[in-house]
Amino acid sequence: MLSKKTKYGLKALSFLAKQEQNVPVLISDISTSENISKKFLESILLTLKKSGILSSKKGKGGGYFLLKKPNEIKIATIIRLLEGPIAMLPCVSLNYYEKCDDCASEEKCSLSILMAEVRDSTLKILESKTLENFNCGD
């Protein structure tokens, strides 16, 4: 299940993707439009800024804007930045792998094999979707 942080991050990015490129949008406009607490949204946008998805401009005419075109930002990337691993088990995670303490053999573990299949199917969908073809709330 996605956290509220990830859900709100996707909603905010979807909103920004619909705006004119490189034109800053006030955080209050995003907050109001997407019904997200301004304080919580500030934290989410800061994370996305530090990760290179967004940039911001201070002062009059300032706000947040996408650093890349919406068709260059994959949904899988956003989920990993805000949520962490996409895999349901650490032993099948591509980016956050950890060996399971209770598993004698990952190669023979039915649960590991099943969850790798789930991961692959999920990734196939999330890697094929970008902000360009993601309209949250429409």
N, C-alpha and C. Protein backbone atom coordinates (compact mmCIF):
# COMPACT_ATOMS: atom_id res chain seq x y z
N MET A 1 0.84 -1.17 0.00
CA MET A 1 0.00 0.00 0.00
C MET A 1 0.90 1.24 0.00
N LEU A 2 0.54 2.22 -0.82
CA LEU A 2 1.31 3.47 -0.86
C LEU A 2 1.01 4.33 0.37
N SER A 3 2.05 4.99 0.85
CA SER A 3 1.86 5.92 1.96
C SER A 3 1.21 7.20 1.44
N LYS A 4 0.69 8.00 2.37
CA LYS A 4 0.12 9.30 1.98
C LYS A 4 1.20 10.19 1.36
N LYS A 5 2.41 10.07 1.85
CA LYS A 5 3.51 10.86 1.30
C LYS A 5 3.67 10.59 -0.19
N THR A 6 3.66 9.33 -0.57
CA THR A 6 3.83 8.96 -1.97
C THR A 6 2.60 9.36 -2.79
N LYS A 7 1.43 9.10 -2.24
CA LYS A 7 0.18 9.47 -2.93
C LYS A 7 0.14 10.97 -3.18
N TYR A 8 0.45 11.77 -2.17
CA TYR A 8 0.43 13.22 -2.32
C TYR A 8 1.54 13.71 -3.24
N GLY A 9 2.69 13.04 -3.19
CA GLY A 9 3.78 13.40 -4.09
C GLY A 9 3.38 13.18 -5.55
N LEU A 10 2.72 12.08 -5.81
CA LEU A 10 2.25 11.80 -7.17
C LEU A 10 1.20 12.81 -7.61
N LYS A 11 0.30 13.17 -6.69
CA LYS A 11 -0.74 14.16 -7.02
C LYS A 11 -0.10 15.52 -7.32
N ALA A 12 0.86 15.92 -6.51
CA ALA A 12 1.53 17.22 -6.71
C ALA A 12 2.30 17.23 -8.02
N LEU A 13 3.01 16.17 -8.31
CA LEU A 13 3.78 16.09 -9.56
C LEU A 13 2.86 16.04 -10.77
N SER A 14 1.75 15.36 -10.64
CA SER A 14 0.76 15.32 -11.72
C SER A 14 0.24 16.73 -11.99
N PHE A 15 -0.02 17.48 -10.93
CA PHE A 15 -0.46 18.87 -11.07
C PHE A 15 0.61 19.71 -11.78
N LEU A 16 1.85 19.57 -11.34
CA LEU A 16 2.95 20.34 -11.95
C LEU A 16 3.17 19.96 -13.42
N ALA A 17 2.94 18.69 -13.73
CA ALA A 17 3.14 18.23 -15.11
C ALA A 17 2.16 18.89 -16.08
N LYS A 18 1.03 19.34 -15.56
CA LYS A 18 0.01 19.98 -16.40
C LYS A 18 0.27 21.47 -16.60
N GLN A 19 1.24 22.01 -15.87
CA GLN A 19 1.54 23.44 -15.94
C GLN A 19 2.55 23.72 -17.05
N GLU A 20 2.69 24.98 -17.38
CA GLU A 20 3.68 25.37 -18.37
C GLU A 20 5.07 25.04 -17.85
N GLN A 21 5.89 24.43 -18.73
CA GLN A 21 7.22 23.98 -18.31
C GLN A 21 8.10 25.14 -17.86
N ASN A 22 8.84 24.91 -16.78
CA ASN A 22 9.78 25.86 -16.19
C ASN A 22 9.13 27.12 -15.63
N VAL A 23 7.82 27.11 -15.47
CA VAL A 23 7.13 28.24 -14.83
C VAL A 23 6.81 27.83 -13.40
N PRO A 24 7.40 28.51 -12.41
CA PRO A 24 7.19 28.13 -11.01
C PRO A 24 5.73 28.24 -10.58
N VAL A 25 5.32 27.28 -9.75
CA VAL A 25 3.97 27.23 -9.21
C VAL A 25 4.06 27.34 -7.69
N LEU A 26 3.26 28.21 -7.13
CA LEU A 26 3.26 28.39 -5.68
C LEU A 26 2.81 27.12 -4.98
N ILE A 27 3.47 26.83 -3.87
CA ILE A 27 3.12 25.64 -3.09
C ILE A 27 1.68 25.74 -2.60
N SER A 28 1.21 26.94 -2.32
CA SER A 28 -0.17 27.12 -1.85
C SER A 28 -1.17 26.77 -2.96
N ASP A 29 -0.81 27.02 -4.22
CA ASP A 29 -1.69 26.66 -5.33
C ASP A 29 -1.80 25.14 -5.47
N ILE A 30 -0.67 24.46 -5.32
CA ILE A 30 -0.66 22.99 -5.39
C ILE A 30 -1.46 22.43 -4.22
N SER A 31 -1.20 22.96 -3.04
CA SER A 31 -1.86 22.51 -1.82
C SER A 31 -3.37 22.64 -1.93
N THR A 32 -3.84 23.79 -2.39
CA THR A 32 -5.27 24.04 -2.52
C THR A 32 -5.89 23.15 -3.59
N SER A 33 -5.26 23.10 -4.74
CA SER A 33 -5.80 22.33 -5.87
C SER A 33 -5.89 20.84 -5.57
N GLU A 34 -4.89 20.32 -4.88
CA GLU A 34 -4.81 18.87 -4.64
C GLU A 34 -5.26 18.46 -3.25
N ASN A 35 -5.71 19.44 -2.45
CA ASN A 35 -6.21 19.18 -1.10
C ASN A 35 -5.18 18.45 -0.22
N ILE A 36 -3.98 19.04 -0.19
CA ILE A 36 -2.86 18.49 0.58
C ILE A 36 -2.42 19.55 1.59
N SER A 37 -2.17 19.14 2.81
CA SER A 37 -1.66 20.05 3.83
C SER A 37 -0.38 20.73 3.32
N LYS A 38 -0.34 22.04 3.43
CA LYS A 38 0.80 22.80 2.92
C LYS A 38 2.10 22.37 3.59
N LYS A 39 2.05 22.18 4.91
CA LYS A 39 3.26 21.79 5.64
C LYS A 39 3.77 20.41 5.20
N PHE A 40 2.86 19.47 5.03
CA PHE A 40 3.24 18.13 4.58
C PHE A 40 3.76 18.19 3.15
N LEU A 41 3.11 18.99 2.31
CA LEU A 41 3.53 19.14 0.92
C LEU A 41 4.93 19.74 0.82
N GLU A 42 5.25 20.69 1.68
CA GLU A 42 6.59 21.29 1.68
C GLU A 42 7.66 20.23 1.88
N SER A 43 7.42 19.32 2.80
CA SER A 43 8.36 18.24 3.08
C SER A 43 8.53 17.32 1.87
N ILE A 44 7.41 16.98 1.23
CA ILE A 44 7.44 16.10 0.06
C ILE A 44 8.19 16.77 -1.09
N LEU A 45 7.87 18.03 -1.36
CA LEU A 45 8.50 18.73 -2.47
C LEU A 45 9.99 18.94 -2.23
N LEU A 46 10.37 19.13 -0.99
CA LEU A 46 11.79 19.26 -0.66
C LEU A 46 12.54 17.96 -0.96
N THR A 47 11.94 16.83 -0.63
CA THR A 47 12.53 15.53 -0.95
C THR A 47 12.70 15.38 -2.46
N LEU A 48 11.68 15.76 -3.21
CA LEU A 48 11.73 15.65 -4.67
C LEU A 48 12.74 16.63 -5.27
N LYS A 49 12.91 17.77 -4.62
CA LYS A 49 13.90 18.74 -5.08
C LYS A 49 15.31 18.19 -4.86
N LYS A 50 15.56 17.63 -3.68
CA LYS A 50 16.87 17.07 -3.36
C LYS A 50 17.21 15.90 -4.27
N SER A 51 16.19 15.24 -4.80
CA SER A 51 16.38 14.08 -5.67
C SER A 51 16.53 14.45 -7.14
N GLY A 52 16.40 15.75 -7.45
CA GLY A 52 16.59 16.20 -8.82
C GLY A 52 15.36 16.12 -9.72
N ILE A 53 14.20 15.91 -9.13
CA ILE A 53 12.96 15.88 -9.91
C ILE A 53 12.41 17.29 -10.09
N LEU A 54 12.54 18.10 -9.05
CA LEU A 54 12.02 19.47 -9.03
C LEU A 54 13.13 20.47 -8.80
N SER A 55 12.81 21.72 -9.12
CA SER A 55 13.63 22.84 -8.71
C SER A 55 12.67 23.90 -8.19
N SER A 56 13.21 24.92 -7.60
CA SER A 56 12.36 25.99 -7.09
C SER A 56 13.02 27.33 -7.32
N LYS A 57 12.19 28.33 -7.30
CA LYS A 57 12.64 29.71 -7.44
C LYS A 57 12.06 30.47 -6.27
N LYS A 58 12.89 31.27 -5.62
CA LYS A 58 12.43 32.05 -4.47
C LYS A 58 11.97 33.43 -4.90
N GLY A 59 11.20 34.05 -4.01
CA GLY A 59 10.78 35.43 -4.24
C GLY A 59 9.54 35.55 -5.10
N LYS A 60 9.29 36.78 -5.54
CA LYS A 60 8.12 37.06 -6.37
C LYS A 60 8.20 36.26 -7.67
N GLY A 61 7.12 35.60 -8.02
CA GLY A 61 7.10 34.74 -9.19
C GLY A 61 7.76 33.40 -8.94
N GLY A 62 8.00 33.10 -7.68
CA GLY A 62 8.69 31.87 -7.32
C GLY A 62 7.73 30.70 -7.15
N GLY A 63 8.30 29.56 -6.85
CA GLY A 63 7.54 28.34 -6.65
C GLY A 63 8.34 27.14 -7.13
N TYR A 64 7.64 26.04 -7.30
CA TYR A 64 8.27 24.79 -7.74
C TYR A 64 7.94 24.51 -9.20
N PHE A 65 8.87 23.83 -9.88
CA PHE A 65 8.66 23.40 -11.26
C PHE A 65 9.46 22.14 -11.53
N LEU A 66 9.01 21.38 -12.53
CA LEU A 66 9.70 20.14 -12.91
C LEU A 66 11.02 20.47 -13.59
N LEU A 67 12.06 19.71 -13.30
CA LEU A 67 13.36 19.88 -13.95
C LEU A 67 13.42 19.15 -15.29
N LYS A 68 12.59 18.12 -15.44
CA LYS A 68 12.56 17.35 -16.67
C LYS A 68 11.16 17.44 -17.27
N LYS A 69 11.05 17.03 -18.52
CA LYS A 69 9.75 16.97 -19.16
C LYS A 69 8.95 15.83 -18.51
N PRO A 70 7.62 15.99 -18.42
CA PRO A 70 6.80 14.94 -17.80
C PRO A 70 7.00 13.55 -18.41
N ASN A 71 7.28 13.47 -19.71
CA ASN A 71 7.47 12.16 -20.33
C ASN A 71 8.82 11.53 -20.00
N GLU A 72 9.67 12.24 -19.27
CA GLU A 72 10.98 11.71 -18.86
C GLU A 72 10.99 11.27 -17.40
N ILE A 73 9.88 11.47 -16.70
CA ILE A 73 9.83 11.13 -15.27
C ILE A 73 8.93 9.91 -15.08
N LYS A 74 9.55 8.78 -14.76
CA LYS A 74 8.82 7.53 -14.60
C LYS A 74 8.17 7.45 -13.22
N ILE A 75 6.99 6.87 -13.19
CA ILE A 75 6.25 6.68 -11.93
C ILE A 75 7.06 5.79 -10.99
N ALA A 76 7.75 4.80 -11.52
CA ALA A 76 8.57 3.91 -10.68
C ALA A 76 9.64 4.71 -9.93
N THR A 77 10.24 5.68 -10.60
CA THR A 77 11.27 6.51 -9.98
C THR A 77 10.70 7.29 -8.80
N ILE A 78 9.54 7.88 -9.00
CA ILE A 78 8.90 8.68 -7.94
C ILE A 78 8.56 7.80 -6.75
N ILE A 79 7.99 6.63 -7.01
CA ILE A 79 7.63 5.73 -5.91
C ILE A 79 8.87 5.31 -5.14
N ARG A 80 9.94 5.00 -5.83
CA ARG A 80 11.18 4.62 -5.12
C ARG A 80 11.71 5.77 -4.27
N LEU A 81 11.65 7.00 -4.79
CA LEU A 81 12.15 8.15 -4.04
C LEU A 81 11.35 8.41 -2.77
N LEU A 82 10.04 8.28 -2.88
CA LEU A 82 9.18 8.63 -1.75
C LEU A 82 8.80 7.46 -0.86
N GLU A 83 8.76 6.27 -1.44
CA GLU A 83 8.27 5.10 -0.71
C GLU A 83 9.38 4.13 -0.34
N GLY A 84 10.37 4.02 -1.20
CA GLY A 84 11.42 3.03 -1.01
C GLY A 84 11.23 1.89 -1.99
N PRO A 85 11.53 0.66 -1.58
CA PRO A 85 11.47 -0.47 -2.49
C PRO A 85 10.08 -0.72 -3.06
N ILE A 86 10.07 -1.17 -4.30
CA ILE A 86 8.81 -1.57 -4.93
C ILE A 86 8.51 -3.03 -4.62
N ALA A 87 9.55 -3.83 -4.46
CA ALA A 87 9.39 -5.25 -4.15
C ALA A 87 8.76 -5.43 -2.77
N MET A 88 7.99 -6.50 -2.64
CA MET A 88 7.30 -6.77 -1.38
C MET A 88 8.20 -7.48 -0.35
N LEU A 89 9.29 -8.05 -0.82
CA LEU A 89 10.27 -8.69 0.07
C LEU A 89 11.65 -8.14 -0.23
N PRO A 90 12.46 -7.94 0.81
CA PRO A 90 13.80 -7.40 0.57
C PRO A 90 14.70 -8.31 -0.26
N CYS A 91 14.45 -9.61 -0.24
CA CYS A 91 15.30 -10.54 -0.97
C CYS A 91 15.06 -10.52 -2.49
N VAL A 92 14.01 -9.85 -2.94
CA VAL A 92 13.77 -9.75 -4.38
C VAL A 92 13.85 -8.30 -4.88
N SER A 93 14.24 -7.40 -3.99
CA SER A 93 14.36 -6.00 -4.38
C SER A 93 15.58 -5.78 -5.27
N LEU A 94 15.39 -5.02 -6.34
CA LEU A 94 16.49 -4.74 -7.25
C LEU A 94 17.42 -3.64 -6.71
N ASN A 95 16.86 -2.68 -6.00
CA ASN A 95 17.65 -1.54 -5.51
C ASN A 95 17.89 -1.56 -4.00
N TYR A 96 17.15 -2.36 -3.27
CA TYR A 96 17.26 -2.38 -1.81
C TYR A 96 17.41 -3.82 -1.29
N TYR A 97 18.14 -4.64 -2.01
CA TYR A 97 18.27 -6.06 -1.68
C TYR A 97 18.81 -6.27 -0.27
N GLU A 98 18.18 -7.21 0.42
CA GLU A 98 18.67 -7.73 1.71
C GLU A 98 18.32 -9.20 1.75
N LYS A 99 19.26 -10.01 2.21
CA LYS A 99 18.99 -11.44 2.35
C LYS A 99 18.02 -11.65 3.51
N CYS A 100 17.06 -12.54 3.31
CA CYS A 100 16.12 -12.88 4.38
C CYS A 100 16.81 -13.80 5.39
N ASP A 101 16.68 -13.50 6.65
CA ASP A 101 17.32 -14.29 7.70
C ASP A 101 16.75 -15.70 7.81
N ASP A 102 15.49 -15.85 7.48
CA ASP A 102 14.82 -17.13 7.70
C ASP A 102 14.77 -18.02 6.45
N CYS A 103 15.49 -17.64 5.42
CA CYS A 103 15.41 -18.37 4.16
C CYS A 103 16.73 -19.14 3.91
N ALA A 104 16.61 -20.45 3.75
CA ALA A 104 17.80 -21.27 3.52
C ALA A 104 18.32 -21.12 2.08
N SER A 105 17.41 -20.97 1.13
CA SER A 105 17.80 -20.88 -0.28
C SER A 105 16.81 -20.01 -1.04
N GLU A 106 17.26 -18.82 -1.44
CA GLU A 106 16.39 -17.92 -2.20
C GLU A 106 15.98 -18.53 -3.53
N GLU A 107 16.89 -19.31 -4.14
CA GLU A 107 16.62 -19.91 -5.44
C GLU A 107 15.50 -20.95 -5.37
N LYS A 108 15.32 -21.58 -4.22
CA LYS A 108 14.30 -22.62 -4.07
C LYS A 108 13.08 -22.14 -3.29
N CYS A 109 13.12 -20.95 -2.76
CA CYS A 109 12.03 -20.42 -1.93
C CYS A 109 10.83 -20.05 -2.80
N SER A 110 9.72 -20.73 -2.60
CA SER A 110 8.51 -20.47 -3.40
C SER A 110 8.02 -19.04 -3.21
N LEU A 111 8.11 -18.53 -1.99
CA LEU A 111 7.66 -17.17 -1.72
C LEU A 111 8.53 -16.15 -2.45
N SER A 112 9.83 -16.36 -2.42
CA SER A 112 10.76 -15.47 -3.12
C SER A 112 10.52 -15.49 -4.63
N ILE A 113 10.29 -16.66 -5.17
CA ILE A 113 10.03 -16.80 -6.61
C ILE A 113 8.74 -16.09 -6.98
N LEU A 114 7.70 -16.28 -6.19
CA LEU A 114 6.41 -15.61 -6.44
C LEU A 114 6.56 -14.10 -6.35
N MET A 115 7.23 -13.61 -5.31
CA MET A 115 7.37 -12.17 -5.12
C MET A 115 8.27 -11.53 -6.18
N ALA A 116 9.20 -12.27 -6.74
CA ALA A 116 10.00 -11.76 -7.85
C ALA A 116 9.12 -11.59 -9.09
N GLU A 117 8.19 -12.52 -9.28
CA GLU A 117 7.25 -12.41 -10.40
C GLU A 117 6.31 -11.21 -10.21
N VAL A 118 5.85 -11.01 -8.99
CA VAL A 118 5.00 -9.84 -8.67
C VAL A 118 5.79 -8.56 -8.91
N ARG A 119 7.03 -8.53 -8.44
CA ARG A 119 7.90 -7.36 -8.65
C ARG A 119 8.06 -7.05 -10.13
N ASP A 120 8.35 -8.06 -10.91
CA ASP A 120 8.57 -7.87 -12.34
C ASP A 120 7.32 -7.34 -13.04
N SER A 121 6.17 -7.88 -12.69
CA SER A 121 4.91 -7.42 -13.28
C SER A 121 4.61 -5.97 -12.87
N THR A 122 4.82 -5.67 -11.61
CA THR A 122 4.59 -4.31 -11.11
C THR A 122 5.53 -3.33 -11.78
N LEU A 123 6.81 -3.69 -11.86
CA LEU A 123 7.79 -2.81 -12.50
C LEU A 123 7.50 -2.57 -13.97
N LYS A 124 7.02 -3.60 -14.65
CA LYS A 124 6.69 -3.46 -16.07
C LYS A 124 5.66 -2.34 -16.25
N ILE A 125 4.69 -2.28 -15.37
CA ILE A 125 3.66 -1.24 -15.45
C ILE A 125 4.22 0.11 -15.02
N LEU A 126 4.87 0.16 -13.86
CA LEU A 126 5.35 1.44 -13.31
C LEU A 126 6.46 2.08 -14.14
N GLU A 127 7.28 1.25 -14.79
CA GLU A 127 8.35 1.77 -15.64
C GLU A 127 7.81 2.27 -16.98
N SER A 128 6.64 1.78 -17.37
CA SER A 128 6.06 2.20 -18.65
C SER A 128 5.22 3.47 -18.53
N LYS A 129 4.92 3.88 -17.31
CA LYS A 129 4.10 5.07 -17.08
C LYS A 129 4.99 6.24 -16.66
N THR A 130 4.68 7.41 -17.22
CA THR A 130 5.39 8.63 -16.86
C THR A 130 4.38 9.66 -16.38
N LEU A 131 4.88 10.78 -15.90
CA LEU A 131 3.98 11.86 -15.49
C LEU A 131 3.13 12.36 -16.66
N GLU A 132 3.64 12.20 -17.86
CA GLU A 132 2.89 12.66 -19.04
C GLU A 132 1.58 11.91 -19.19
N ASN A 133 1.60 10.62 -18.92
CA ASN A 133 0.37 9.84 -19.09
C ASN A 133 -0.23 9.42 -17.75
N PHE A 134 -0.01 10.23 -16.75
CA PHE A 134 -0.52 9.97 -15.40
C PHE A 134 -1.32 11.19 -14.96
N ASN A 135 -2.61 11.05 -14.90
CA ASN A 135 -3.46 12.17 -14.50
C ASN A 135 -4.20 11.82 -13.21
N CYS A 136 -3.59 12.14 -12.11
CA CYS A 136 -4.18 11.86 -10.81
C CYS A 136 -5.32 12.85 -10.55
N GLY A 137 -6.48 12.32 -10.28
CA GLY A 137 -7.60 13.18 -9.92
C GLY A 137 -8.44 13.65 -11.09
N ASP A 138 -8.02 13.34 -12.31
CA ASP A 138 -8.83 13.76 -13.48
C ASP A 138 -9.90 12.75 -13.79
